[in-house]
Protein backbone atom coordinates (compact mmCIF):
# COMPACT_ATOMS: atom_id res chain seq x y z
CA MET A 1 1.35 1.05 -5.44
CA ASP A 2 0.66 1.60 -2.33
CA ASP A 3 2.34 0.09 -0.60
CA ASP A 4 1.03 -0.58 1.72
CA LEU A 5 -1.31 -3.66 1.58
CA PHE A 6 1.72 -4.81 3.51
CA GLN A 7 -0.04 -4.49 7.05
CA LEU A 8 -2.93 -6.84 6.00
CA ARG A 9 -0.74 -9.87 6.26
CA GLN A 10 1.09 -8.81 9.26
CA LEU A 11 -1.39 -9.42 12.15
CA PRO A 12 -1.25 -12.18 14.13
CA VAL A 13 -2.73 -15.63 14.23
CA VAL A 14 -4.59 -15.86 17.50
CA ARG A 15 -5.42 -18.76 19.65
CA PHE A 16 -7.38 -18.53 22.79
CA ARG A 17 -6.24 -19.83 26.42
CA ARG A 18 -7.34 -19.96 29.65
CA THR A 19 -5.06 -18.61 31.93
CA GLY A 20 -5.74 -21.34 34.63
CA GLU A 21 -4.13 -23.65 32.20
CA SER A 22 -0.88 -21.70 32.21
CA THR A 23 2.13 -23.39 34.40
CA ARG A 24 3.83 -19.97 34.60
CA SER A 25 3.46 -17.73 38.07
CA GLU A 26 1.38 -14.98 38.40
CA ASP A 27 4.12 -12.67 39.06
CA ASP A 28 5.94 -13.55 35.67
CA GLY A 29 2.70 -12.76 34.01
CA GLU A 30 2.57 -9.56 35.37
CA ASN A 31 5.90 -8.63 34.03
CA ARG A 32 5.27 -9.73 30.83
CA GLU A 33 1.92 -8.76 29.65
CA GLN A 34 -0.41 -5.98 30.74
CA VAL A 35 -3.45 -7.23 32.21
CA VAL A 36 -6.77 -5.83 32.69
CA ARG A 37 -8.32 -7.79 35.29
CA ILE A 38 -11.94 -8.31 36.00
CA PRO A 39 -12.44 -9.48 39.63
CA GLU A 40 -14.26 -12.92 40.18
CA GLN A 41 -17.97 -12.23 41.43
CA THR A 42 -21.33 -13.53 41.02
CA ASP A 43 -22.91 -9.92 40.68
CA LEU A 44 -22.08 -8.85 37.00
CA GLU A 45 -24.07 -5.48 37.43
CA SER A 46 -21.03 -3.79 38.99
CA VAL A 47 -17.30 -4.87 38.11
CA ALA A 48 -14.17 -2.90 37.59
CA PHE A 49 -10.75 -3.00 36.25
CA ALA A 50 -7.89 -3.27 38.67
CA ASP A 51 -7.02 0.33 38.04
CA GLY A 52 -10.64 1.42 38.89
CA ALA A 53 -12.16 1.62 35.60
CA PRO A 54 -15.59 0.36 35.31
CA VAL A 55 -16.75 -2.60 33.16
CA PRO A 56 -19.68 -2.51 31.03
CA ARG A 57 -22.08 -4.98 32.17
CA GLU A 58 -22.29 -7.01 29.11
CA PHE A 59 -18.42 -7.83 29.16
CA ALA A 60 -18.13 -9.05 32.65
CA ASN A 61 -17.25 -12.95 33.11
CA PRO A 62 -16.77 -14.50 36.50
CA THR A 63 -14.71 -17.24 34.76
CA ASP A 64 -11.11 -17.06 34.33
CA ASP A 65 -11.10 -16.95 30.47
CA THR A 66 -8.88 -14.06 28.76
CA PHE A 67 -9.20 -12.58 25.56
CA MET A 68 -7.02 -9.91 23.53
CA VAL A 69 -8.28 -7.36 21.10
CA GLU A 70 -7.33 -9.87 18.19
CA ASP A 71 -9.50 -12.68 19.86
CA ALA A 72 -12.22 -10.23 19.74
CA VAL A 73 -12.09 -9.24 16.27
CA GLU A 74 -11.84 -13.14 15.38
CA ALA A 75 -14.81 -14.03 17.56
CA ILE A 76 -16.85 -11.26 15.96
CA GLY A 77 -15.81 -11.90 12.29
CA PHE A 78 -16.22 -9.83 8.91
CA GLY A 79 -19.64 -8.14 8.85
CA LYS A 80 -21.49 -4.77 8.26
CA PHE A 81 -18.54 -2.98 10.10
CA GLN A 82 -15.86 -4.04 7.87
CA TRP A 83 -17.78 -3.61 4.68
CA LYS A 84 -17.78 0.30 5.66
CA LEU A 85 -14.20 0.11 6.51
CA SER A 86 -13.28 -1.48 3.37
CA ILE A 87 -15.11 1.35 1.59
CA LEU A 88 -13.48 4.11 3.37
CA THR A 89 -10.11 2.31 2.88
CA GLY A 90 -10.85 1.88 -0.65
CA LEU A 91 -11.22 5.67 -1.08
CA SER A 92 -7.80 6.42 0.37
CA TRP A 93 -6.49 4.18 -2.04
CA MET A 94 -8.45 5.44 -4.92
CA ALA A 95 -6.99 8.90 -4.13
CA ASP A 96 -3.52 7.45 -3.81
CA ALA A 97 -3.87 5.78 -7.53
CA MET A 98 -5.25 8.95 -8.99
CA GLU A 99 -2.51 11.15 -7.72
CA MET A 100 -0.10 8.60 -9.42
CA MET A 101 -2.10 8.45 -12.54
CA ILE A 102 -2.23 12.19 -12.99
CA LEU A 103 1.38 12.32 -13.54
CA SER A 104 1.31 10.79 -16.99
CA ILE A 105 -1.34 13.19 -17.89
CA LEU A 106 -0.34 16.31 -16.35
CA ALA A 107 3.45 15.93 -17.66
CA PRO A 108 2.31 16.68 -21.53
CA GLN A 109 0.10 19.28 -21.01
CA LEU A 110 2.70 21.28 -18.83
CA HIS A 111 5.48 20.29 -21.14
CA CYS A 112 3.57 22.08 -23.91
CA GLU A 113 1.75 24.86 -22.08
CA TRP A 114 4.65 26.08 -20.10
CA ARG A 115 7.51 25.25 -22.69
CA LEU A 116 9.36 22.90 -19.92
CA PRO A 117 12.29 20.78 -20.96
CA SER A 118 11.79 17.14 -20.41
CA LEU A 119 14.33 17.07 -17.58
CA GLU A 120 11.95 19.58 -15.52
CA VAL A 121 9.14 17.52 -16.45
CA ALA A 122 10.63 14.30 -15.01
CA LEU A 123 11.75 16.23 -11.82
CA LEU A 124 7.88 17.28 -11.28
CA THR A 125 7.22 13.48 -11.39
CA SER A 126 10.00 12.49 -9.15
CA ALA A 127 9.32 15.14 -6.79
CA VAL A 128 6.04 13.31 -5.86
CA PHE A 129 8.09 10.12 -4.89
CA ILE A 130 10.62 12.42 -3.14
CA GLY A 131 7.64 13.53 -1.03
CA MET A 132 6.56 10.34 -0.38
CA MET A 133 9.74 8.83 0.85
CA LEU A 134 10.55 11.74 3.25
CA SER A 135 7.27 11.37 5.00
CA SER A 136 6.34 7.89 5.47
CA SER A 137 8.25 7.30 8.80
CA LEU A 138 6.81 10.48 10.08
CA TRP A 139 3.32 9.57 9.37
CA GLY A 140 3.91 6.41 11.06
CA ASN A 141 5.25 7.80 14.11
CA ILE A 142 2.58 10.34 14.42
CA SER A 143 0.11 7.28 14.40
CA ASP A 144 1.90 5.54 16.81
CA LYS A 145 2.14 8.42 19.21
CA TYR A 146 -1.28 10.31 18.79
CA GLY A 147 -3.55 7.40 17.33
CA ARG A 148 -4.10 5.58 14.03
CA LYS A 149 -7.11 7.98 13.32
CA THR A 150 -5.38 11.33 14.08
CA GLY A 151 -2.46 10.49 11.77
CA LEU A 152 -4.92 9.43 9.09
CA LYS A 153 -6.73 12.44 9.23
CA MET A 154 -3.78 14.54 9.09
CA SER A 155 -2.47 13.18 6.15
CA VAL A 156 -5.80 13.15 4.30
CA LEU A 157 -6.42 16.90 5.08
CA TRP A 158 -2.57 17.53 4.26
CA THR A 159 -2.75 16.07 0.64
CA MET A 160 -6.26 17.31 0.24
CA PHE A 161 -5.05 21.03 0.80
CA TYR A 162 -1.90 20.96 -1.03
CA GLY A 163 -3.67 19.17 -3.93
CA VAL A 164 -6.25 21.84 -4.17
CA MET A 165 -3.35 24.58 -3.98
CA SER A 166 -1.40 23.25 -6.61
CA ALA A 167 -4.20 23.80 -9.15
CA PHE A 168 -3.32 27.45 -8.42
CA ALA A 169 0.43 27.44 -9.25
CA PRO A 170 1.25 30.09 -11.33
CA ILE A 171 4.89 29.08 -12.35
CA TYR A 172 6.96 25.91 -12.54
CA GLY A 173 8.78 26.45 -9.01
CA TRP A 174 5.64 26.66 -7.29
CA ILE A 175 3.96 23.39 -8.60
CA LEU A 176 7.27 21.73 -8.00
CA VAL A 177 7.11 22.57 -4.55
CA LEU A 178 3.19 21.65 -4.02
CA ARG A 179 3.41 18.51 -5.69
CA ALA A 180 6.37 17.60 -3.39
CA LEU A 181 4.12 18.56 -0.67
CA VAL A 182 1.10 16.62 -2.11
CA GLY A 183 3.66 13.22 -2.10
CA PHE A 184 4.46 14.23 1.45
CA GLY A 185 0.65 13.50 2.46
CA ILE A 186 0.62 10.49 0.11
CA GLY A 187 3.09 9.00 2.47
CA GLY A 188 0.57 8.93 4.96
CA ALA A 189 -2.16 7.24 3.11
CA PRO A 190 -0.99 3.51 4.27
CA GLN A 191 -1.96 4.53 7.61
CA SER A 192 -5.62 3.61 6.52
CA VAL A 193 -4.29 0.13 5.85
CA THR A 194 -2.71 -0.15 9.40
CA LEU A 195 -6.24 1.07 10.73
CA TYR A 196 -7.98 -1.39 8.53
CA ALA A 197 -5.96 -4.57 9.17
CA GLU A 198 -6.25 -4.35 12.84
CA PHE A 199 -10.07 -4.97 12.56
CA LEU A 200 -9.99 -7.52 10.21
CA PRO A 201 -10.22 -11.23 11.08
CA MET A 202 -7.58 -13.60 9.54
CA LYS A 203 -9.71 -15.57 7.28
CA SER A 204 -10.94 -12.64 5.61
CA ARG A 205 -7.64 -10.93 5.05
CA ALA A 206 -6.83 -12.54 1.38
CA THR A 207 -10.48 -11.19 0.20
CA CYS A 208 -9.53 -7.77 1.62
CA ILE A 209 -6.17 -7.57 -0.30
CA LEU A 210 -8.30 -8.27 -3.18
CA LEU A 211 -10.80 -5.48 -2.56
CA ILE A 212 -7.93 -2.78 -1.92
CA GLU A 213 -6.51 -3.79 -5.39
CA ILE A 214 -9.88 -3.44 -7.33
CA PHE A 215 -9.96 0.21 -5.63
CA TRP A 216 -6.50 1.12 -7.00
CA ALA A 217 -7.62 -0.11 -10.17
CA LEU A 218 -10.70 1.89 -9.92
CA GLY A 219 -8.84 4.88 -8.98
CA THR A 220 -6.70 4.96 -12.22
CA VAL A 221 -9.63 4.77 -14.27
CA PHE A 222 -11.56 7.15 -12.79
CA GLU A 223 -8.64 9.62 -13.31
CA VAL A 224 -8.75 9.12 -16.94
CA LEU A 225 -12.51 9.47 -17.27
CA LEU A 226 -11.99 12.71 -15.35
CA ALA A 227 -9.31 13.73 -18.01
CA ILE A 228 -11.52 12.92 -20.63
CA LEU A 229 -14.39 15.16 -19.42
CA VAL A 230 -12.32 18.12 -18.17
CA MET A 231 -9.13 18.15 -20.04
CA PRO A 232 -10.52 19.33 -23.24
CA THR A 233 -12.74 22.47 -21.85
CA LEU A 234 -11.50 23.11 -18.22
CA GLY A 235 -8.00 22.36 -18.42
CA TRP A 236 -5.31 20.85 -16.08
CA ARG A 237 -6.14 23.11 -13.36
CA TRP A 238 -9.40 21.91 -12.91
CA LEU A 239 -8.38 18.09 -13.17
CA LEU A 240 -5.74 18.71 -10.38
CA GLY A 241 -8.63 20.22 -7.94
CA LEU A 242 -11.26 17.62 -9.01
CA SER A 243 -8.77 14.69 -8.47
CA THR A 244 -8.98 15.50 -4.73
CA ILE A 245 -12.56 14.27 -4.50
CA PRO A 246 -12.09 10.93 -3.10
CA LEU A 247 -10.01 12.54 -0.39
CA PHE A 248 -12.70 15.16 0.42
CA ILE A 249 -15.21 12.49 0.72
CA PHE A 250 -12.70 10.32 3.10
CA ALA A 251 -12.18 13.56 4.99
CA ILE A 252 -15.99 13.79 5.64
CA LEU A 253 -16.81 10.28 6.36
CA CYS A 254 -13.67 9.47 8.50
CA PHE A 255 -15.38 11.26 11.43
CA TRP A 256 -17.25 7.89 11.32
CA LEU A 257 -14.18 6.03 12.12
CA PRO A 258 -13.16 4.46 15.49
CA GLU A 259 -9.89 4.42 16.82
CA SER A 260 -7.78 1.21 16.83
CA ALA A 261 -9.06 -0.77 19.71
CA ARG A 262 -5.31 -2.31 19.86
CA TYR A 263 -3.72 1.22 20.33
CA ASP A 264 -6.39 2.03 22.86
CA VAL A 265 -5.43 -0.70 25.05
CA LEU A 266 -1.75 -0.40 24.86
CA THR A 267 -2.40 3.27 25.80
CA GLY A 268 -4.24 2.20 28.82
CA ASN A 269 -7.76 3.27 27.50
CA GLN A 270 -9.23 0.15 27.90
CA GLU A 271 -12.91 1.36 28.58
CA LYS A 272 -12.91 2.99 24.93
CA ALA A 273 -11.24 -0.03 23.26
CA LEU A 274 -13.85 -2.28 24.70
CA ALA A 275 -16.46 0.53 23.52
CA THR A 276 -14.92 0.21 20.15
CA LEU A 277 -15.36 -3.65 20.29
CA LYS A 278 -18.94 -3.56 21.38
CA ARG A 279 -20.23 -1.07 18.77
CA ILE A 280 -18.39 -3.57 16.03
CA ALA A 281 -20.15 -6.68 17.70
CA THR A 282 -23.36 -4.44 17.76
CA GLU A 283 -23.27 -3.80 13.91
CA ASN A 284 -22.09 -7.28 12.90
CA ARG A 285 -24.89 -8.72 15.19
CA ALA A 286 -22.35 -11.06 16.52
CA PRO A 287 -21.65 -11.80 20.26
CA MET A 288 -18.67 -10.53 22.35
CA PRO A 289 -16.19 -12.74 23.68
CA LEU A 290 -16.05 -12.73 27.58
CA GLY A 291 -13.46 -12.46 30.20
CA LYS A 292 -10.08 -10.63 31.10
CA LEU A 293 -8.65 -7.91 28.38
CA ILE A 294 -4.99 -8.85 27.77
CA ALA A 295 -2.77 -6.41 26.23
CA ALA A 296 0.06 -9.09 24.59
CA LYS A 297 3.50 -8.41 25.16
CA GLN A 298 5.10 -7.19 21.91
CA GLU A 299 7.76 -8.44 19.94
CA ASP A 300 11.33 -6.88 19.51
CA ARG A 301 11.80 -5.05 16.44
CA GLY A 302 14.22 -6.66 13.89
CA LYS A 303 17.63 -4.98 12.70
CA ILE A 304 19.01 -4.26 9.38
CA ARG A 305 21.81 -7.13 10.08
CA ASP A 306 19.03 -9.59 10.56
CA LEU A 307 17.88 -9.40 6.82
CA PHE A 308 21.44 -10.33 6.04
CA SER A 309 21.56 -13.65 8.07
CA SER A 310 22.91 -16.42 6.48
CA HIS A 311 19.65 -17.82 5.64
CA LEU A 312 18.18 -14.59 4.35
CA ARG A 313 20.81 -13.00 2.80
CA TRP A 314 20.21 -13.84 -0.99
CA THR A 315 16.35 -13.63 -0.28
CA THR A 316 16.92 -9.80 0.98
CA ILE A 317 19.22 -8.64 -2.13
CA LEU A 318 16.97 -10.60 -4.63
CA LEU A 319 13.56 -8.72 -3.20
CA TRP A 320 15.14 -5.41 -3.06
CA PHE A 321 15.74 -5.85 -6.83
CA ILE A 322 12.25 -7.23 -7.55
CA TRP A 323 10.52 -4.59 -5.77
CA PHE A 324 13.01 -2.16 -7.58
CA ALA A 325 12.11 -3.34 -11.10
CA ASN A 326 8.49 -3.71 -10.36
CA ALA A 327 7.97 -0.09 -9.57
CA PHE A 328 10.57 1.35 -11.99
CA SER A 329 8.72 -0.62 -14.79
CA TYR A 330 5.09 -0.21 -13.76
CA TYR A 331 5.47 3.61 -13.14
CA GLY A 332 7.63 3.92 -16.16
CA LEU A 333 5.16 2.13 -18.25
CA VAL A 334 2.41 4.64 -17.12
CA LEU A 335 4.72 7.60 -18.02
CA LEU A 336 5.61 5.63 -21.28
CA THR A 337 2.13 5.02 -22.62
CA THR A 338 1.13 9.00 -23.16
CA GLU A 339 4.54 9.57 -24.90
CA LEU A 340 4.06 6.69 -27.13
CA PHE A 341 0.55 7.48 -28.07
CA GLN A 342 1.71 10.93 -28.89
CA GLU A 343 4.68 10.06 -31.23
CA GLY A 344 2.88 7.00 -32.78
CA GLY A 345 5.34 4.43 -31.26
CA ALA A 346 9.03 3.91 -31.62
CA CYS A 347 8.81 4.03 -35.63
CA GLY A 348 6.87 7.66 -35.31
CA MET A 349 9.57 8.95 -32.99
CA SER A 350 12.34 7.48 -35.14
CA LYS A 351 11.11 9.09 -38.29
CA GLY A 352 10.50 12.37 -36.45
CA ASN A 353 14.12 12.52 -35.52
CA LYS A 354 15.18 12.00 -39.17
CA MET A 355 12.78 14.58 -40.71
CA GLU A 356 13.81 17.47 -38.21
CA LEU A 357 15.64 18.41 -35.65
CA ARG A 358 13.83 17.99 -32.42
CA CYS A 359 14.76 19.95 -29.46
CA ASN A 360 13.45 19.06 -25.83
CA LEU A 361 10.81 21.90 -26.17
CA GLU A 362 8.67 20.37 -28.71
CA CYS A 363 5.55 18.99 -27.55
CA LYS A 364 2.24 17.68 -28.51
CA TYR A 365 -1.14 17.62 -26.41
CA LEU A 366 -2.87 14.57 -25.94
CA ASN A 367 -5.91 14.53 -28.06
CA SER A 368 -9.28 12.62 -27.76
CA ASP A 369 -7.87 9.26 -29.09
CA ASP A 370 -4.68 9.42 -26.59
CA TYR A 371 -7.56 9.42 -23.89
CA LYS A 372 -9.22 6.68 -24.88
CA ASP A 373 -6.30 4.57 -25.58
CA LEU A 374 -5.08 5.67 -22.39
CA LEU A 375 -8.42 4.55 -20.55
CA TRP A 376 -8.02 0.97 -22.39
CA THR A 377 -4.85 0.52 -21.13
CA THR A 378 -5.81 1.52 -17.43
CA LEU A 379 -8.59 -1.19 -17.76
CA SER A 380 -6.14 -3.84 -17.94
CA GLU A 381 -5.51 -3.78 -14.05
CA PHE A 382 -8.55 -5.28 -13.46
CA PRO A 383 -7.61 -8.85 -15.54
CA GLY A 384 -4.27 -8.45 -14.41
CA LEU A 385 -5.21 -8.85 -10.86
CA LEU A 386 -7.67 -11.94 -11.47
CA VAL A 387 -4.85 -13.55 -13.49
CA THR A 388 -2.33 -13.31 -10.74
CA LEU A 389 -4.89 -14.43 -8.32
CA TRP A 390 -5.54 -17.51 -10.31
CA ALA A 391 -1.73 -17.92 -10.83
CA ILE A 392 -0.49 -17.48 -7.34
CA ASP A 393 -1.50 -20.76 -5.77
CA ARG A 394 -1.25 -23.05 -8.80
CA LEU A 395 2.24 -21.86 -10.05
CA GLY A 396 3.58 -20.68 -6.91
CA ARG A 397 4.70 -17.12 -5.71
CA ARG A 398 8.03 -17.14 -7.45
CA LYS A 399 6.81 -18.61 -10.92
CA THR A 400 3.78 -16.31 -10.80
CA MET A 401 6.24 -13.08 -10.33
CA ALA A 402 8.83 -14.56 -12.97
CA LEU A 403 5.88 -15.09 -15.69
CA CYS A 404 4.89 -11.31 -15.07
CA PHE A 405 8.09 -10.17 -15.62
CA PHE A 406 8.69 -12.31 -18.71
CA VAL A 407 5.32 -11.38 -20.36
CA PHE A 408 6.02 -7.84 -19.88
CA SER A 409 9.42 -7.80 -21.37
CA MET A 410 8.05 -9.98 -24.29
CA CYS A 411 5.31 -7.20 -24.95
CA ILE A 412 7.82 -4.44 -25.05
CA ILE A 413 9.88 -6.05 -27.67
CA PRO A 414 7.31 -5.58 -30.51
CA LEU A 415 7.31 -2.06 -29.45
CA TYR A 416 10.79 -1.58 -31.28
CA GLY A 417 8.91 -2.17 -34.68
CA CYS A 418 6.33 0.05 -36.66
CA VAL A 419 3.29 -1.73 -34.92
CA GLY A 420 -0.17 0.03 -35.59
CA ARG A 421 -1.96 2.00 -33.05
CA THR A 422 -4.20 -0.60 -31.89
CA ALA A 423 -1.43 -3.50 -31.83
CA MET A 424 0.37 -0.92 -29.68
CA THR A 425 -2.65 -0.61 -27.20
CA VAL A 426 -3.02 -4.47 -27.14
CA LEU A 427 0.60 -4.64 -26.31
CA ILE A 428 0.65 -1.71 -23.46
CA PHE A 429 -2.50 -3.26 -22.07
CA ILE A 430 -1.06 -6.90 -21.80
CA ALA A 431 2.11 -5.52 -20.27
CA ARG A 432 0.59 -3.30 -17.73
CA ALA A 433 -1.81 -6.17 -16.67
CA PHE A 434 1.18 -8.59 -15.92
CA ILE A 435 3.46 -6.05 -14.35
CA ALA A 436 0.31 -4.85 -11.94
CA GLY A 437 0.04 -8.67 -11.36
CA GLY A 438 3.71 -9.00 -10.45
CA PHE A 439 3.30 -6.16 -7.89
CA GLN A 440 0.45 -8.23 -6.34
CA ALA A 441 2.62 -11.68 -6.33
CA ALA A 442 5.27 -9.37 -4.46
CA TYR A 443 2.89 -8.25 -1.86
CA VAL A 444 1.73 -11.57 -1.07
CA TYR A 445 5.44 -13.45 -1.11
CA THR A 446 7.39 -10.88 1.10
CA PRO A 447 5.86 -11.00 4.19
CA GLU A 448 5.57 -14.76 4.08
CA VAL A 449 8.97 -15.22 3.25
CA TYR A 450 10.32 -13.42 6.64
CA PRO A 451 10.10 -14.37 9.96
CA THR A 452 7.88 -12.42 12.62
CA ALA A 453 10.92 -10.35 14.02
CA THR A 454 11.98 -8.95 10.83
CA ARG A 455 8.68 -8.97 8.67
CA ALA A 456 7.96 -5.31 9.20
CA LEU A 457 11.54 -4.36 8.44
CA GLY A 458 11.49 -6.56 5.26
CA LEU A 459 8.54 -5.11 4.23
CA GLY A 460 9.78 -1.63 4.84
CA THR A 461 13.08 -1.88 3.28
CA SER A 462 11.48 -3.93 0.28
CA SER A 463 9.05 -0.92 -0.11
CA GLY A 464 11.83 1.65 -0.02
CA MET A 465 13.58 0.10 -2.92
CA ALA A 466 10.03 0.31 -4.91
CA ARG A 467 10.09 4.12 -4.12
CA VAL A 468 13.71 4.62 -5.55
CA GLY A 469 12.87 2.76 -8.56
CA ALA A 470 9.48 5.01 -9.09
CA LEU A 471 11.89 8.19 -8.22
CA ILE A 472 14.32 7.08 -11.30
CA THR A 473 12.05 6.04 -14.01
CA PRO A 474 10.75 9.48 -15.22
CA PHE A 475 14.42 10.06 -16.16
CA VAL A 476 14.13 7.01 -18.24
CA ALA A 477 10.23 7.32 -19.65
CA GLN A 478 10.60 11.12 -20.06
CA VAL A 479 14.38 12.21 -20.70
CA MET A 480 16.01 9.22 -22.18
CA LEU A 481 12.99 8.25 -24.39
CA GLU A 482 13.10 11.74 -26.29
CA SER A 483 16.95 10.98 -27.19
CA SER A 484 16.50 7.38 -28.11
CA VAL A 485 13.21 5.50 -27.89
CA TYR A 486 15.16 2.00 -28.34
CA LEU A 487 17.29 2.49 -25.53
CA ALA A 488 14.74 3.70 -23.11
CA LEU A 489 12.73 0.34 -24.17
CA SER A 490 15.68 -1.64 -23.55
CA VAL A 491 16.16 -0.38 -20.32
CA TYR A 492 12.81 -1.75 -19.34
CA CYS A 493 12.96 -4.89 -21.27
CA CYS A 494 16.16 -6.04 -19.76
CA CYS A 495 15.33 -4.73 -16.16
CA CYS A 496 12.35 -7.22 -16.21
CA LEU A 497 14.05 -9.97 -17.80
CA LEU A 498 16.72 -9.77 -14.74
CA ALA A 499 13.76 -9.63 -12.32
CA ALA A 500 12.43 -12.62 -14.04
CA VAL A 501 15.65 -14.62 -13.27
CA ALA A 502 15.80 -13.00 -9.93
CA SER A 503 12.40 -14.54 -9.10
CA CYS A 504 13.27 -18.04 -10.34
CA ALA A 505 16.32 -17.58 -8.17
CA LEU A 506 14.59 -16.87 -4.76
CA PRO A 507 15.73 -19.95 -2.62
CA ILE A 508 12.29 -20.05 -0.85
CA GLU A 509 8.94 -20.98 -2.08
CA THR A 510 6.26 -19.96 0.24
CA THR A 511 3.27 -21.36 -1.47
CA GLY A 512 0.96 -23.66 1.37
CA ARG A 513 3.57 -22.37 3.85
CA ALA A 514 2.11 -20.97 6.77
CA LEU A 515 3.54 -17.57 8.37
CA GLN A 516 6.90 -18.30 10.02
CA GLU A 517 6.44 -18.46 13.70
CA SER A 518 7.78 -16.19 16.33
CA SER A 519 10.84 -17.37 18.51
CA HIS A 520 8.74 -17.05 21.47
CA ARG A 521 5.34 -17.81 22.47
CA GLU A 522 3.14 -15.66 24.99
CA TRP A 523 0.35 -17.55 26.66
CA GLY A 524 -0.15 -19.92 23.97
CA GLN A 525 -0.33 -17.15 21.21
CA GLU A 526 1.72 -16.93 18.06
CA MET A 527 2.50 -13.42 17.63
CA MET A 528 2.52 -12.79 13.96
CA GLY A 529 3.77 -9.79 12.48
CA ARG A 530 4.42 -7.73 15.67
CA ALA A 531 6.97 -4.94 15.47
CA SER A 532 7.94 -2.64 18.43
CA SER A 533 10.18 -1.76 21.07
CA PRO A 534 10.94 -4.01 23.60
CA SER A 535 9.23 -2.02 26.34
CA SER A 536 5.47 -3.44 26.71
CA GLY A 537 4.16 0.08 26.97
CA ARG A 538 5.17 1.27 23.45
CA ILE A 539 3.08 1.15 20.60
CA PRO A 540 3.60 -1.09 17.74
CA ASN A 541 5.20 0.78 14.99
CA SER A 542 2.96 1.57 12.18
CA SER A 543 5.36 3.06 9.76
CA SER A 544 6.56 -0.23 8.12
CA GLY A 545 3.95 -0.04 5.54
CA SER A 546 4.14 3.23 5.14
CA GLN A 547 7.89 3.19 4.04
CA GLY A 548 6.60 1.39 0.98
């Protein structure tokens, strides 16, 4: 799951401070910050930046107050502009969720139509995640160099183009390459969250995390509904093409998106940044802060060895396994669902093995009942999200993650027996609700437990482990399951039981604790979640979220 909610929890807690109250020398301040200075004067009709760029009259202020982009975002608050941005970002996440959900529908269809062995079916699923892993840092670098909006538009158009092209794939080799290229484009989807987060005031971020998760769940439900309508009559090629609808809508509407004001300031385009902030203030009907515009000094990037310092080593190891288990089990259950529905559960698959010699080319198409039950299990993500949001502050982050993993394991155990179709649907519903909730809890806990300098790196590496889990799980859910359904179910059950123990063993509980502060403070600012090069002229790296 897209990883990429990470950026929502990485932006700084900002405090205003007058430059006149600083005890530092002016020369020292110039060395550590990029300051756009508005000369003091009483005539507000015509003022200018130090480099000669004009300042709009309404932003001029004869006092010695300063503000950064983050200050302006906090002052303007959450309003109409952010609601529009939420819908656009949500469309990006819907598209991501649909491309993930389509894997469980496409696999049995191609298995039958092209007579593919299960190993090739599993490789088709893994190809998407391989593409995502290869591209995540590339899209982040493009966004840092050419702008968040540019990187986002490129990744969306890339995904849409190859998504449509994969619908015309004539043979297995073509669709394997084309789906890998789709995954390559999906790796840039978290850039929408990077842009989104840079326009969100701090107090609204929790609500926005909920909103993004709802769009993910909507995407999975929409994909199943689309399959119910399209698959019986038009087939899988139309399903692949129509699944790009959210991307097509986003591609049209993203021209409304402004470039990140923070990015513009750090690249020296202060006038454009001010125009963007003015536009947001106008749409939200809120006043703009007045004063000097400051581009804050950026934090040094953390290093891998920092994650294994004495006080973080155990936390890092446990979190890597927790993220691996989350993705391994979540996507595994998505793929298992269609397999179990087709065969009538473990009992049906076991009887089938005894009655006839099954080869790995045997297949069954999904029928209307399979699609309906798949829809019910997909709807589980909504109550799963609500349960997690209720529990995460009451039980704590660690206990919530442990609870989610434990309930998932307990729901897998009855599937060993000859449970009926209804009971199997209910068990998968509950299991998926809680494993999706476990993802949400991990998204909340991970940025809270790491200090500023290593926060982006900790999130990126954890999310990278999740991608590894997602890449491996098709070979369990689609290949191992064919050999032994009991062995496949045991792998998922044991993995989540171990993850529950790992969650309880985490040494730090972050409930009620503020994000760990930066090691240095600049002009009274607490620089939270900044990860960039030491050079003040460099753009803060946006690939950390996209690595997951």
